[in-house]
Protein backbone atom coordinates (compact mmCIF):
# COMPACT_ATOMS: atom_id res chain seq x y z
CA MET A 1 72.82 -13.17 61.25
CA ASP A 2 71.63 -11.36 58.08
CA GLY A 3 70.82 -14.20 55.78
CA CYS A 4 70.23 -17.89 55.46
CA SER A 5 73.14 -20.15 56.30
CA VAL A 6 71.95 -22.54 53.66
CA GLN A 7 71.91 -21.81 49.90
CA CYS A 8 68.46 -23.39 49.30
CA VAL A 9 66.34 -25.34 51.82
CA HIS A 10 63.48 -26.42 49.57
CA PRO A 11 64.73 -26.64 45.99
CA GLU A 12 61.47 -28.05 44.71
CA LYS A 13 59.49 -25.08 46.03
CA VAL A 14 62.04 -22.66 44.71
CA GLN A 15 61.79 -24.32 41.21
CA MET A 16 57.98 -24.25 41.47
CA VAL A 17 58.12 -20.45 42.08
CA LEU A 18 60.58 -19.92 39.26
CA ASP A 19 58.37 -21.89 36.88
CA ALA A 20 55.26 -19.91 37.88
CA THR A 21 56.85 -16.40 37.91
CA LEU A 22 55.21 -13.98 35.58
CA PRO A 23 57.31 -12.49 32.87
CA THR A 24 58.80 -9.05 33.63
CA ASP A 25 56.31 -7.26 31.37
CA ASP A 26 53.31 -8.93 33.06
CA LEU A 27 54.75 -8.08 36.53
CA ALA A 28 55.09 -4.52 35.52
CA ARG A 29 51.41 -4.50 34.32
CA ALA A 30 50.32 -6.01 37.68
CA ALA A 31 52.28 -3.47 39.65
CA GLY A 32 50.80 -0.73 37.50
CA MET A 33 47.26 -1.99 38.18
CA PHE A 34 47.83 -1.93 41.95
CA LYS A 35 49.40 1.54 41.73
CA LEU A 36 46.33 2.67 39.73
CA LEU A 37 44.05 1.29 42.44
CA GLY A 38 46.27 2.69 45.17
CA ASP A 39 44.81 6.22 44.78
CA GLN A 40 41.84 6.90 47.05
CA THR A 41 40.06 9.12 44.51
CA ARG A 42 40.29 6.47 41.84
CA SER A 43 39.23 3.79 44.25
CA ARG A 44 36.24 5.86 45.38
CA LEU A 45 35.24 6.25 41.70
CA LEU A 46 35.65 2.57 40.98
CA TYR A 47 33.49 1.55 44.04
CA ALA A 48 30.88 4.09 42.97
CA LEU A 49 30.79 2.48 39.52
CA LEU A 50 30.64 -0.98 41.15
CA GLU A 51 27.50 0.09 43.07
CA ALA A 52 25.73 2.14 40.44
CA GLY A 53 26.79 0.20 37.35
CA GLU A 54 27.09 3.28 35.13
CA LEU A 55 27.44 7.02 35.84
CA CYS A 56 28.41 10.22 34.05
CA VAL A 57 31.16 12.56 35.30
CA CYS A 58 28.74 14.93 37.06
CA ASP A 59 27.00 12.01 38.87
CA LEU A 60 30.34 10.49 39.85
CA ALA A 61 31.44 13.88 41.20
CA ALA A 62 28.23 14.25 43.23
CA ALA A 63 28.32 10.59 44.51
CA THR A 64 31.96 10.76 45.60
CA GLY A 65 32.23 14.45 46.75
CA THR A 66 35.00 14.98 44.19
CA GLN A 67 35.45 17.93 41.84
CA GLU A 68 34.34 17.16 38.27
CA ALA A 69 37.81 18.13 36.85
CA THR A 70 39.43 15.57 39.23
CA VAL A 71 36.87 12.98 38.21
CA SER A 72 37.59 13.57 34.54
CA GLN A 73 41.35 13.25 35.05
CA SER A 74 40.98 10.06 37.08
CA LEU A 75 38.60 8.59 34.54
CA ARG A 76 41.08 9.38 31.73
CA MET A 77 43.71 7.30 33.59
CA LEU A 78 41.29 4.50 34.36
CA ARG A 79 40.03 4.38 30.80
CA ALA A 80 43.55 4.36 29.33
CA SER A 81 44.42 1.47 31.62
CA GLY A 82 41.35 -0.49 30.48
CA VAL A 83 39.74 -0.47 33.94
CA VAL A 84 36.65 1.53 32.88
CA SER A 85 34.92 2.11 29.58
CA GLY A 86 32.56 4.84 28.37
CA ARG A 87 29.40 4.96 26.40
CA ARG A 88 28.43 8.19 24.72
CA GLN A 89 24.77 9.31 24.82
CA GLY A 90 24.38 12.70 23.20
CA ARG A 91 26.74 15.14 24.95
CA LEU A 92 27.28 12.86 27.98
CA VAL A 93 29.61 9.92 28.40
CA PHE A 94 28.43 7.23 30.89
CA TYR A 95 31.32 5.24 32.52
CA ARG A 96 31.24 1.73 33.85
CA LEU A 97 33.74 -0.94 34.95
CA ALA A 98 35.35 -2.47 31.94
CA ASP A 99 34.68 -6.15 32.80
CA GLY A 100 33.94 -8.74 35.42
CA HIS A 101 37.63 -8.99 36.45
CA VAL A 102 37.64 -5.45 37.73
CA ARG A 103 34.41 -6.08 39.61
CA MET A 104 35.82 -9.29 41.06
CA LEU A 105 39.03 -7.43 42.16
CA LEU A 106 36.99 -4.76 43.90
CA ASP A 107 34.66 -7.27 45.55
CA LEU A 108 37.58 -9.30 46.77
CA THR A 109 39.27 -6.26 48.13
CA ARG A 110 36.17 -5.22 50.00
CA GLU A 111 35.80 -8.82 51.37
CA HIS A 112 39.41 -8.88 52.49
CA ILE A 113 39.02 -5.53 54.31
CA ALA A 114 35.83 -6.85 56.03
CA HIS A 115 37.65 -10.09 56.97
CA GLU A 116 40.61 -8.10 58.33
CA ALA A 117 38.37 -5.92 60.45
CA LEU A 118 36.52 -8.93 61.74
CA SER A 119 39.78 -10.71 62.61
CA ALA A 120 41.10 -7.60 64.31
CA GLY A 121 37.82 -7.33 66.28
CA ASP A 122 38.17 -11.03 67.42
CA GLY A 123 41.74 -10.34 68.48
CA ALA A 124 40.65 -7.34 70.51
CA ALA A 125 37.86 -9.25 72.11
CA ARG A 126 40.21 -12.07 73.17
CA SER A 127 42.62 -9.55 74.58
CA THR A 128 39.86 -7.88 76.54
CA ALA A 129 38.60 -11.26 77.83
CA LYS A 130 42.15 -12.19 79.02
CA ALA A 131 42.63 -8.82 80.72
CA THR A 132 39.37 -9.21 82.71
CA ARG A 133 40.22 -12.67 84.07
């Protein structure tokens, strides 16, 4: 059977979802944000900024093992999307995370990854314990 045999099992939950659904423009922005964060180079740069607070292009390149040209291109995208901001000091521009929401998103992602690894480790330990019995 490919689908549900019933039109709607929980109409109140379906209505709750419909009422809470983001408008199409907001959904597109959310998807764009995750796509932006889905690139390893950009993520590496963002986590470097999370740790250091503020870095210039050359320091970001050194800290992440990324070519300066690639760092500059990535920062251009991140800045245009409002994820990072820059502060000019003489000839240098120092980049930082745009706001607390970006920091929170990065922190939560790191927490989720750690939780996932811990859960996977618990599952492996249980499997090993069962196998040795």
